[in-house]
Amino acid sequence: MEVIGDKILGSWRLEKWIYENEAGDEIKYFSESPSGILIYEPSGYMSVQIQQSGRADFESQTIDGGTIKEKSGAFGSYLAYYGQFVEHNPGEFTHTVEGSL
């Protein structure tokens, strides 16, 4: 098998996110059409951000604004983390999370 290595470097847009559980049920996280981006850097660092479509804006436009309800909705509809990545086997990557939402 060919090592992917440098071929994955760059930015990748999320097309769809579907998880199949042990029972074979398909779970669509963050609705039918979430959006997101995955970035792999030559330095060995990566970052991923995924959000549910149609997320509500906060009424307040300040960086620390938002009601408890707005913040809860925002937290529950967004996934983000960053860290380092390693290709252990061809096409099989491990992410070591250093920070996350």
PDB file of N, CA and C in Angstrom:
ATOM      1  N   MET A   1       0.838  -1.190   0.000  1.00  0.00           N
ATOM      2  CA  MET A   1       0.000   0.000   0.000  1.00  0.00           C
ATOM      3  C   MET A   1       0.875   1.243   0.000  1.00  0.00           C
ATOM      4  N   GLU A   2       0.384   2.260  -0.652  1.00  0.00           N
ATOM      5  CA  GLU A   2       1.116   3.514  -0.777  1.00  0.00           C
ATOM      6  C   GLU A   2       0.881   4.414   0.437  1.00  0.00           C
ATOM      7  N   VAL A   3       1.950   4.992   0.953  1.00  0.00           N
ATOM      8  CA  VAL A   3       1.845   5.970   2.027  1.00  0.00           C
ATOM      9  C   VAL A   3       1.278   7.252   1.425  1.00  0.00           C
ATOM     10  N   ILE A   4       0.277   7.827   2.072  1.00  0.00           N
ATOM     11  CA  ILE A   4      -0.371   9.031   1.561  1.00  0.00           C
ATOM     12  C   ILE A   4       0.465  10.266   1.870  1.00  0.00           C
ATOM     13  N   GLY A   5       0.988  10.332   3.111  1.00  0.00           N
ATOM     14  CA  GLY A   5       1.886  11.399   3.528  1.00  0.00           C
ATOM     15  C   GLY A   5       1.535  12.779   3.040  1.00  0.00           C
ATOM     16  N   ASP A   6       2.382  13.359   2.173  1.00  0.00           N
ATOM     17  CA  ASP A   6       2.219  14.738   1.717  1.00  0.00           C
ATOM     18  C   ASP A   6       0.976  14.974   0.875  1.00  0.00           C
ATOM     19  N   LYS A   7       0.365  13.925   0.365  1.00  0.00           N
ATOM     20  CA  LYS A   7      -0.811  14.088  -0.505  1.00  0.00           C
ATOM     21  C   LYS A   7      -2.025  14.648   0.238  1.00  0.00           C
ATOM     22  N   ILE A   8      -2.047  14.528   1.562  1.00  0.00           N
ATOM     23  CA  ILE A   8      -3.201  15.048   2.303  1.00  0.00           C
ATOM     24  C   ILE A   8      -3.000  16.472   2.797  1.00  0.00           C
ATOM     25  N   LEU A   9      -1.791  16.991   2.654  1.00  0.00           N
ATOM     26  CA  LEU A   9      -1.519  18.336   3.167  1.00  0.00           C
ATOM     27  C   LEU A   9      -2.402  19.364   2.475  1.00  0.00           C
ATOM     28  N   GLY A  10      -2.926  20.310   3.265  1.00  0.00           N
ATOM     29  CA  GLY A  10      -3.790  21.345   2.735  1.00  0.00           C
ATOM     30  C   GLY A  10      -5.111  21.389   3.473  1.00  0.00           C
ATOM     31  N   SER A  11      -6.088  22.033   2.859  1.00  0.00           N
ATOM     32  CA  SER A  11      -7.417  22.217   3.447  1.00  0.00           C
ATOM     33  C   SER A  11      -8.436  21.359   2.716  1.00  0.00           C
ATOM     34  N   TRP A  12      -9.313  20.741   3.485  1.00  0.00           N
ATOM     35  CA  TRP A  12     -10.335  19.844   2.940  1.00  0.00           C
ATOM     36  C   TRP A  12     -11.692  20.251   3.474  1.00  0.00           C
ATOM     37  N   ARG A  13     -12.667  20.422   2.576  1.00  0.00           N
ATOM     38  CA  ARG A  13     -14.034  20.766   2.981  1.00  0.00           C
ATOM     39  C   ARG A  13     -14.823  19.494   3.253  1.00  0.00           C
ATOM     40  N   LEU A  14     -15.687  19.559   4.263  1.00  0.00           N
ATOM     41  CA  LEU A  14     -16.540  18.431   4.616  1.00  0.00           C
ATOM     42  C   LEU A  14     -17.631  18.254   3.564  1.00  0.00           C
ATOM     43  N   GLU A  15     -17.766  17.058   3.042  1.00  0.00           N
ATOM     44  CA  GLU A  15     -18.839  16.741   2.090  1.00  0.00           C
ATOM     45  C   GLU A  15     -20.063  16.203   2.831  1.00  0.00           C
ATOM     46  N   LYS A  16     -19.833  15.261   3.744  1.00  0.00           N
ATOM     47  CA  LYS A  16     -20.899  14.761   4.615  1.00  0.00           C
ATOM     48  C   LYS A  16     -20.259  14.050   5.786  1.00  0.00           C
ATOM     49  N   TRP A  17     -21.038  13.898   6.858  1.00  0.00           N
ATOM     50  CA  TRP A  17     -20.536  13.268   8.061  1.00  0.00           C
ATOM     51  C   TRP A  17     -21.587  12.269   8.521  1.00  0.00           C
ATOM     52  N   ILE A  18     -21.286  11.014   8.311  1.00  0.00           N
ATOM     53  CA  ILE A  18     -22.218   9.953   8.692  1.00  0.00           C
ATOM     54  C   ILE A  18     -21.452   8.917   9.505  1.00  0.00           C
ATOM     55  N   TYR A  19     -22.025   8.527  10.606  1.00  0.00           N
ATOM     56  CA  TYR A  19     -21.439   7.518  11.482  1.00  0.00           C
ATOM     57  C   TYR A  19     -22.374   6.319  11.528  1.00  0.00           C
ATOM     58  N   GLU A  20     -21.815   5.144  11.470  1.00  0.00           N
ATOM     59  CA  GLU A  20     -22.607   3.921  11.595  1.00  0.00           C
ATOM     60  C   GLU A  20     -22.250   3.273  12.918  1.00  0.00           C
ATOM     61  N   ASN A  21     -23.256   3.083  13.788  1.00  0.00           N
ATOM     62  CA  ASN A  21     -22.979   2.493  15.093  1.00  0.00           C
ATOM     63  C   ASN A  21     -22.882   0.961  15.000  1.00  0.00           C
ATOM     64  N   GLU A  22     -22.640   0.321  16.131  1.00  0.00           N
ATOM     65  CA  GLU A  22     -22.442  -1.133  16.165  1.00  0.00           C
ATOM     66  C   GLU A  22     -23.649  -1.907  15.628  1.00  0.00           C
ATOM     67  N   ALA A  23     -24.840  -1.344  15.754  1.00  0.00           N
ATOM     68  CA  ALA A  23     -26.063  -2.000  15.283  1.00  0.00           C
ATOM     69  C   ALA A  23     -26.306  -1.760  13.794  1.00  0.00           C
ATOM     70  N   GLY A  24     -25.434  -0.966  13.160  1.00  0.00           N
ATOM     71  CA  GLY A  24     -25.601  -0.675  11.740  1.00  0.00           C
ATOM     72  C   GLY A  24     -26.502   0.507  11.460  1.00  0.00           C
ATOM     73  N   ASP A  25     -26.926   1.206  12.524  1.00  0.00           N
ATOM     74  CA  ASP A  25     -27.767   2.385  12.347  1.00  0.00           C
ATOM     75  C   ASP A  25     -26.910   3.556  11.892  1.00  0.00           C
ATOM     76  N   GLU A  26     -27.413   4.302  10.930  1.00  0.00           N
ATOM     77  CA  GLU A  26     -26.714   5.473  10.416  1.00  0.00           C
ATOM     78  C   GLU A  26     -27.091   6.699  11.226  1.00  0.00           C
ATOM     79  N   ILE A  27     -26.077   7.387  11.755  1.00  0.00           N
ATOM     80  CA  ILE A  27     -26.305   8.583  12.560  1.00  0.00           C
ATOM     81  C   ILE A  27     -25.737   9.772  11.805  1.00  0.00           C
ATOM     82  N   LYS A  28     -26.569  10.761  11.553  1.00  0.00           N
ATOM     83  CA  LYS A  28     -26.135  11.969  10.846  1.00  0.00           C
ATOM     84  C   LYS A  28     -25.972  13.081  11.876  1.00  0.00           C
ATOM     85  N   TYR A  29     -24.738  13.305  12.280  1.00  0.00           N
ATOM     86  CA  TYR A  29     -24.450  14.358  13.248  1.00  0.00           C
ATOM     87  C   TYR A  29     -24.672  15.731  12.616  1.00  0.00           C
ATOM     88  N   PHE A  30     -25.185  16.637  13.400  1.00  0.00           N
ATOM     89  CA  PHE A  30     -25.359  18.029  12.984  1.00  0.00           C
ATOM     90  C   PHE A  30     -26.209  18.174  11.730  1.00  0.00           C
ATOM     91  N   SER A  31     -27.260  17.399  11.619  1.00  0.00           N
ATOM     92  CA  SER A  31     -28.259  17.497  10.552  1.00  0.00           C
ATOM     93  C   SER A  31     -27.796  16.862   9.245  1.00  0.00           C
ATOM     94  N   GLU A  32     -28.568  17.067   8.210  1.00  0.00           N
ATOM     95  CA  GLU A  32     -28.299  16.491   6.893  1.00  0.00           C
ATOM     96  C   GLU A  32     -27.110  17.124   6.184  1.00  0.00           C
ATOM     97  N   SER A  33     -26.851  18.392   6.468  1.00  0.00           N
ATOM     98  CA  SER A  33     -25.812  19.077   5.699  1.00  0.00           C
ATOM     99  C   SER A  33     -24.922  19.965   6.575  1.00  0.00           C
ATOM    100  N   PRO A  34     -24.115  19.350   7.444  1.00  0.00           N
ATOM    101  CA  PRO A  34     -23.185  20.167   8.231  1.00  0.00           C
ATOM    102  C   PRO A  34     -22.092  20.728   7.321  1.00  0.00           C
ATOM    103  N   SER A  35     -21.394  21.735   7.791  1.00  0.00           N
ATOM    104  CA  SER A  35     -20.259  22.261   7.038  1.00  0.00           C
ATOM    105  C   SER A  35     -19.023  22.167   7.915  1.00  0.00           C
ATOM    106  N   GLY A  36     -17.869  22.088   7.274  1.00  0.00           N
ATOM    107  CA  GLY A  36     -16.657  21.986   8.059  1.00  0.00           C
ATOM    108  C   GLY A  36     -15.414  22.006   7.203  1.00  0.00           C
ATOM    109  N   ILE A  37     -14.287  22.033   7.893  1.00  0.00           N
ATOM    110  CA  ILE A  37     -12.995  22.063   7.223  1.00  0.00           C
ATOM    111  C   ILE A  37     -11.991  21.263   8.059  1.00  0.00           C
ATOM    112  N   LEU A  38     -11.106  20.577   7.368  1.00  0.00           N
ATOM    113  CA  LEU A  38     -10.014  19.821   7.981  1.00  0.00           C
ATOM    114  C   LEU A  38      -8.727  20.316   7.344  1.00  0.00           C
ATOM    115  N   ILE A  39      -7.765  20.679   8.171  1.00  0.00           N
ATOM    116  CA  ILE A  39      -6.511  21.233   7.666  1.00  0.00           C
ATOM    117  C   ILE A  39      -5.344  20.388   8.171  1.00  0.00           C
ATOM    118  N   TYR A  40      -4.508  19.941   7.242  1.00  0.00           N
ATOM    119  CA  TYR A  40      -3.266  19.235   7.577  1.00  0.00           C
ATOM    120  C   TYR A  40      -2.100  20.103   7.141  1.00  0.00           C
ATOM    121  N   GLU A  41      -1.182  20.382   8.065  1.00  0.00           N
ATOM    122  CA  GLU A  41      -0.026  21.226   7.798  1.00  0.00           C
ATOM    123  C   GLU A  41       1.254  20.392   7.669  1.00  0.00           C
ATOM    124  N   PRO A  42       2.227  20.853   6.876  1.00  0.00           N
ATOM    125  CA  PRO A  42       3.500  20.142   6.749  1.00  0.00           C
ATOM    126  C   PRO A  42       4.226  19.965   8.087  1.00  0.00           C
ATOM    127  N   SER A  43       3.928  20.822   9.049  1.00  0.00           N
ATOM    128  CA  SER A  43       4.565  20.768  10.367  1.00  0.00           C
ATOM    129  C   SER A  43       4.119  19.564  11.189  1.00  0.00           C
ATOM    130  N   GLY A  44       3.068  18.860  10.717  1.00  0.00           N
ATOM    131  CA  GLY A  44       2.530  17.733  11.474  1.00  0.00           C
ATOM    132  C   GLY A  44       1.349  18.107  12.341  1.00  0.00           C
ATOM    133  N   TYR A  45       0.884  19.348  12.215  1.00  0.00           N
ATOM    134  CA  TYR A  45      -0.291  19.775  12.964  1.00  0.00           C
ATOM    135  C   TYR A  45      -1.529  19.736  12.081  1.00  0.00           C
ATOM    136  N   MET A  46      -2.678  19.570  12.739  1.00  0.00           N
ATOM    137  CA  MET A  46      -3.953  19.532  12.036  1.00  0.00           C
ATOM    138  C   MET A  46      -4.985  20.294  12.847  1.00  0.00           C
ATOM    139  N   SER A  47      -6.090  20.619  12.175  1.00  0.00           N
ATOM    140  CA  SER A  47      -7.206  21.300  12.817  1.00  0.00           C
ATOM    141  C   SER A  47      -8.481  20.895  12.100  1.00  0.00           C
ATOM    142  N   VAL A  48      -9.544  20.689  12.854  1.00  0.00           N
ATOM    143  CA  VAL A  48     -10.839  20.365  12.262  1.00  0.00           C
ATOM    144  C   VAL A  48     -11.914  21.230  12.919  1.00  0.00           C
ATOM    145  N   GLN A  49     -12.862  21.694  12.101  1.00  0.00           N
ATOM    146  CA  GLN A  49     -13.992  22.485  12.577  1.00  0.00           C
ATOM    147  C   GLN A  49     -15.234  22.013  11.820  1.00  0.00           C
ATOM    148  N   ILE A  50     -16.275  21.656  12.559  1.00  0.00           N
ATOM    149  CA  ILE A  50     -17.521  21.193  11.943  1.00  0.00           C
ATOM    150  C   ILE A  50     -18.687  21.869  12.660  1.00  0.00           C
ATOM    151  N   GLN A  51     -19.643  22.355  11.868  1.00  0.00           N
ATOM    152  CA  GLN A  51     -20.815  22.985  12.468  1.00  0.00           C
ATOM    153  C   GLN A  51     -22.104  22.516  11.809  1.00  0.00           C
ATOM    154  N   GLN A  52     -23.140  22.527  12.599  1.00  0.00           N
ATOM    155  CA  GLN A  52     -24.480  22.210  12.116  1.00  0.00           C
ATOM    156  C   GLN A  52     -24.944  23.345  11.224  1.00  0.00           C
ATOM    157  N   SER A  53     -25.645  23.022  10.157  1.00  0.00           N
ATOM    158  CA  SER A  53     -26.179  24.078   9.296  1.00  0.00           C
ATOM    159  C   SER A  53     -27.304  24.812  10.021  1.00  0.00           C
ATOM    160  N   GLY A  54     -27.457  26.088   9.695  1.00  0.00           N
ATOM    161  CA  GLY A  54     -28.549  26.874  10.262  1.00  0.00           C
ATOM    162  C   GLY A  54     -28.361  27.276  11.708  1.00  0.00           C
ATOM    163  N   ARG A  55     -27.121  27.362  12.177  1.00  0.00           N
ATOM    164  CA  ARG A  55     -26.883  27.776  13.565  1.00  0.00           C
ATOM    165  C   ARG A  55     -27.369  29.213  13.772  1.00  0.00           C
ATOM    166  N   ALA A  56     -27.953  29.458  14.920  1.00  0.00           N
ATOM    167  CA  ALA A  56     -28.491  30.787  15.233  1.00  0.00           C
ATOM    168  C   ALA A  56     -27.377  31.752  15.628  1.00  0.00           C
ATOM    169  N   ASP A  57     -27.506  32.988  15.205  1.00  0.00           N
ATOM    170  CA  ASP A  57     -26.588  34.041  15.636  1.00  0.00           C
ATOM    171  C   ASP A  57     -26.939  34.460  17.059  1.00  0.00           C
ATOM    172  N   PHE A  58     -25.945  34.961  17.790  1.00  0.00           N
ATOM    173  CA  PHE A  58     -26.195  35.548  19.103  1.00  0.00           C
ATOM    174  C   PHE A  58     -26.820  36.921  18.894  1.00  0.00           C
ATOM    175  N   GLU A  59     -27.675  37.322  19.815  1.00  0.00           N
ATOM    176  CA  GLU A  59     -28.252  38.662  19.734  1.00  0.00           C
ATOM    177  C   GLU A  59     -27.161  39.714  19.933  1.00  0.00           C
ATOM    178  N   SER A  60     -26.248  39.456  20.861  1.00  0.00           N
ATOM    179  CA  SER A  60     -25.139  40.369  21.125  1.00  0.00           C
ATOM    180  C   SER A  60     -24.026  40.124  20.117  1.00  0.00           C
ATOM    181  N   GLN A  61     -23.387  41.172  19.665  1.00  0.00           N
ATOM    182  CA  GLN A  61     -22.289  41.048  18.706  1.00  0.00           C
ATOM    183  C   GLN A  61     -20.916  41.129  19.374  1.00  0.00           C
ATOM    184  N   THR A  62     -20.866  41.180  20.707  1.00  0.00           N
ATOM    185  CA  THR A  62     -19.585  41.244  21.404  1.00  0.00           C
ATOM    186  C   THR A  62     -18.977  39.853  21.493  1.00  0.00           C
ATOM    187  N   ILE A  63     -17.661  39.785  21.598  1.00  0.00           N
ATOM    188  CA  ILE A  63     -16.971  38.497  21.601  1.00  0.00           C
ATOM    189  C   ILE A  63     -17.322  37.646  22.822  1.00  0.00           C
ATOM    190  N   ASP A  64     -17.674  38.271  23.927  1.00  0.00           N
ATOM    191  CA  ASP A  64     -18.020  37.514  25.126  1.00  0.00           C
ATOM    192  C   ASP A  64     -19.522  37.560  25.426  1.00  0.00           C
ATOM    193  N   GLY A  65     -20.324  37.966  24.440  1.00  0.00           N
ATOM    194  CA  GLY A  65     -21.764  38.080  24.626  1.00  0.00           C
ATOM    195  C   GLY A  65     -22.468  36.745  24.526  1.00  0.00           C
ATOM    196  N   GLY A  66     -23.757  36.780  24.598  1.00  0.00           N
ATOM    197  CA  GLY A  66     -24.578  35.579  24.468  1.00  0.00           C
ATOM    198  C   GLY A  66     -25.212  35.176  25.779  1.00  0.00           C
ATOM    199  N   THR A  67     -26.458  34.782  25.692  1.00  0.00           N
ATOM    200  CA  THR A  67     -27.157  34.272  26.868  1.00  0.00           C
ATOM    201  C   THR A  67     -26.743  32.826  27.109  1.00  0.00           C
ATOM    202  N   ILE A  68     -27.098  32.297  28.241  1.00  0.00           N
ATOM    203  CA  ILE A  68     -26.805  30.890  28.555  1.00  0.00           C
ATOM    204  C   ILE A  68     -27.430  29.985  27.489  1.00  0.00           C
ATOM    205  N   LYS A  69     -28.660  30.287  27.082  1.00  0.00           N
ATOM    206  CA  LYS A  69     -29.339  29.486  26.061  1.00  0.00           C
ATOM    207  C   LYS A  69     -28.606  29.577  24.721  1.00  0.00           C
ATOM    208  N   GLU A  70     -28.175  30.780  24.335  1.00  0.00           N
ATOM    209  CA  GLU A  70     -27.446  30.944  23.074  1.00  0.00           C
ATOM    210  C   GLU A  70     -26.121  30.183  23.116  1.00  0.00           C
ATOM    211  N   LYS A  71     -25.408  30.289  24.230  1.00  0.00           N
ATOM    212  CA  LYS A  71     -24.128  29.597  24.363  1.00  0.00           C
ATOM    213  C   LYS A  71     -24.303  28.079  24.354  1.00  0.00           C
ATOM    214  N   SER A  72     -25.326  27.597  24.996  1.00  0.00           N
ATOM    215  CA  SER A  72     -25.601  26.157  25.011  1.00  0.00           C
ATOM    216  C   SER A  72     -25.894  25.649  23.603  1.00  0.00           C
ATOM    217  N   GLY A  73     -26.706  26.390  22.861  1.00  0.00           N
ATOM    218  CA  GLY A  73     -27.011  26.007  21.484  1.00  0.00           C
ATOM    219  C   GLY A  73     -25.781  26.033  20.599  1.00  0.00           C
ATOM    220  N   ALA A  74     -24.935  27.026  20.789  1.00  0.00           N
ATOM    221  CA  ALA A  74     -23.703  27.133  19.998  1.00  0.00           C
ATOM    222  C   ALA A  74     -22.752  25.986  20.317  1.00  0.00           C
ATOM    223  N   PHE A  75     -22.583  25.676  21.581  1.00  0.00           N
ATOM    224  CA  PHE A  75     -21.685  24.597  22.002  1.00  0.00           C
ATOM    225  C   PHE A  75     -22.173  23.251  21.475  1.00  0.00           C
ATOM    226  N   GLY A  76     -23.482  23.035  21.502  1.00  0.00           N
ATOM    227  CA  GLY A  76     -24.051  21.758  21.080  1.00  0.00           C
ATOM    228  C   GLY A  76     -24.106  21.555  19.575  1.00  0.00           C
ATOM    229  N   SER A  77     -23.775  22.587  18.810  1.00  0.00           N
ATOM    230  CA  SER A  77     -23.874  22.482  17.350  1.00  0.00           C
ATOM    231  C   SER A  77     -22.535  22.743  16.659  1.00  0.00           C
ATOM    232  N   TYR A  78     -21.437  22.583  17.413  1.00  0.00           N
ATOM    233  CA  TYR A  78     -20.119  22.871  16.855  1.00  0.00           C
ATOM    234  C   TYR A  78     -19.091  21.913  17.449  1.00  0.00           C
ATOM    235  N   LEU A  79     -18.197  21.448  16.606  1.00  0.00           N
ATOM    236  CA  LEU A  79     -17.109  20.576  17.040  1.00  0.00           C
ATOM    237  C   LEU A  79     -15.811  21.150  16.491  1.00  0.00           C
ATOM    238  N   ALA A  80     -14.805  21.269  17.333  1.00  0.00           N
ATOM    239  CA  ALA A  80     -13.514  21.780  16.876  1.00  0.00           C
ATOM    240  C   ALA A  80     -12.409  21.190  17.735  1.00  0.00           C
ATOM    241  N   TYR A  81     -11.301  20.834  17.084  1.00  0.00           N
ATOM    242  CA  TYR A  81     -10.115  20.451  17.826  1.00  0.00           C
ATOM    243  C   TYR A  81      -8.887  20.625  16.950  1.00  0.00           C
ATOM    244  N   TYR A  82      -7.715  20.644  17.605  1.00  0.00           N
ATOM    245  CA  TYR A  82      -6.451  20.750  16.893  1.00  0.00           C
ATOM    246  C   TYR A  82      -5.408  19.902  17.615  1.00  0.00           C
ATOM    247  N   GLY A  83      -4.356  19.592  16.909  1.00  0.00           N
ATOM    248  CA  GLY A  83      -3.265  18.827  17.510  1.00  0.00           C
ATOM    249  C   GLY A  83      -2.325  18.327  16.436  1.00  0.00           C
ATOM    250  N   GLN A  84      -1.643  17.233  16.740  1.00  0.00           N
ATOM    251  CA  GLN A  84      -0.699  16.655  15.799  1.00  0.00           C
ATOM    252  C   GLN A  84      -1.300  15.419  15.143  1.00  0.00           C
ATOM    253  N   PHE A  85      -0.796  15.078  13.959  1.00  0.00           N
ATOM    254  CA  PHE A  85      -1.245  13.872  13.272  1.00  0.00           C
ATOM    255  C   PHE A  85      -0.041  13.048  12.832  1.00  0.00           C
ATOM    256  N   VAL A  86      -0.260  11.721  12.766  1.00  0.00           N
ATOM    257  CA  VAL A  86       0.773  10.782  12.330  1.00  0.00           C
ATOM    258  C   VAL A  86       0.104   9.730  11.467  1.00  0.00           C
ATOM    259  N   GLU A  87       0.770   9.343  10.396  1.00  0.00           N
ATOM    260  CA  GLU A  87       0.286   8.252   9.550  1.00  0.00           C
ATOM    261  C   GLU A  87       1.018   6.978   9.981  1.00  0.00           C
ATOM    262  N   HIS A  88       0.323   6.102  10.710  1.00  0.00           N
ATOM    263  CA  HIS A  88       0.935   4.875  11.214  1.00  0.00           C
ATOM    264  C   HIS A  88       1.006   3.794  10.148  1.00  0.00           C
ATOM    265  N   ASN A  89      -0.045   3.677   9.379  1.00  0.00           N
ATOM    266  CA  ASN A  89      -0.131   2.744   8.264  1.00  0.00           C
ATOM    267  C   ASN A  89      -0.639   3.535   7.069  1.00  0.00           C
ATOM    268  N   PRO A  90      -0.417   3.056   5.859  1.00  0.00           N
ATOM    269  CA  PRO A  90      -0.881   3.795   4.676  1.00  0.00           C
ATOM    270  C   PRO A  90      -2.371   4.163   4.771  1.00  0.00           C
ATOM    271  N   GLY A  91      -2.640   5.461   4.776  1.00  0.00           N
ATOM    272  CA  GLY A  91      -4.017   5.946   4.820  1.00  0.00           C
ATOM    273  C   GLY A  91      -4.668   5.897   6.187  1.00  0.00           C
ATOM    274  N   GLU A  92      -3.941   5.515   7.228  1.00  0.00           N
ATOM    275  CA  GLU A  92      -4.487   5.416   8.587  1.00  0.00           C
ATOM    276  C   GLU A  92      -3.797   6.456   9.470  1.00  0.00           C
ATOM    277  N   PHE A  93      -4.542   7.481   9.846  1.00  0.00           N
ATOM    278  CA  PHE A  93      -3.981   8.600  10.585  1.00  0.00           C
ATOM    279  C   PHE A  93      -4.485   8.623  12.007  1.00  0.00           C
ATOM    280  N   THR A  94      -3.619   9.014  12.921  1.00  0.00           N
ATOM    281  CA  THR A  94      -3.997   9.217  14.316  1.00  0.00           C
ATOM    282  C   THR A  94      -3.850  10.702  14.620  1.00  0.00           C
ATOM    283  N   HIS A  95      -4.894  11.260  15.217  1.00  0.00           N
ATOM    284  CA  HIS A  95      -4.863  12.655  15.667  1.00  0.00           C
ATOM    285  C   HIS A  95      -4.620  12.660  17.167  1.00  0.00           C
ATOM    286  N   THR A  96      -3.654  13.431  17.615  1.00  0.00           N
ATOM    287  CA  THR A  96      -3.430  13.632  19.047  1.00  0.00           C
ATOM    288  C   THR A  96      -3.983  15.005  19.391  1.00  0.00           C
ATOM    289  N   VAL A  97      -5.092  15.022  20.110  1.00  0.00           N
ATOM    290  CA  VAL A  97      -5.783  16.268  20.409  1.00  0.00           C
ATOM    291  C   VAL A  97      -5.018  17.041  21.484  1.00  0.00           C
ATOM    292  N   GLU A  98      -4.732  18.312  21.191  1.00  0.00           N
ATOM    293  CA  GLU A  98      -4.063  19.196  22.138  1.00  0.00           C
ATOM    294  C   GLU A  98      -5.017  20.235  22.692  1.00  0.00           C
ATOM    295  N   GLY A  99      -6.069  20.555  21.950  1.00  0.00           N
ATOM    296  CA  GLY A  99      -7.080  21.507  22.407  1.00  0.00           C
ATOM    297  C   GLY A  99      -8.370  21.266  21.663  1.00  0.00           C
ATOM    298  N   SER A 100      -9.491  21.552  22.321  1.00  0.00           N
ATOM    299  CA  SER A 100     -10.787  21.291  21.663  1.00  0.00           C
ATOM    300  C   SER A 100     -11.883  22.144  22.279  1.00  0.00           C
ATOM    301  N   LEU A 101     -12.997  22.188  21.552  1.00  0.00           N
ATOM    302  CA  LEU A 101     -14.209  22.828  22.036  1.00  0.00           C
ATOM    303  C   LEU A 101     -15.094  21.718  22.553  1.00  0.00           C
TER     304      LEU A 101
END
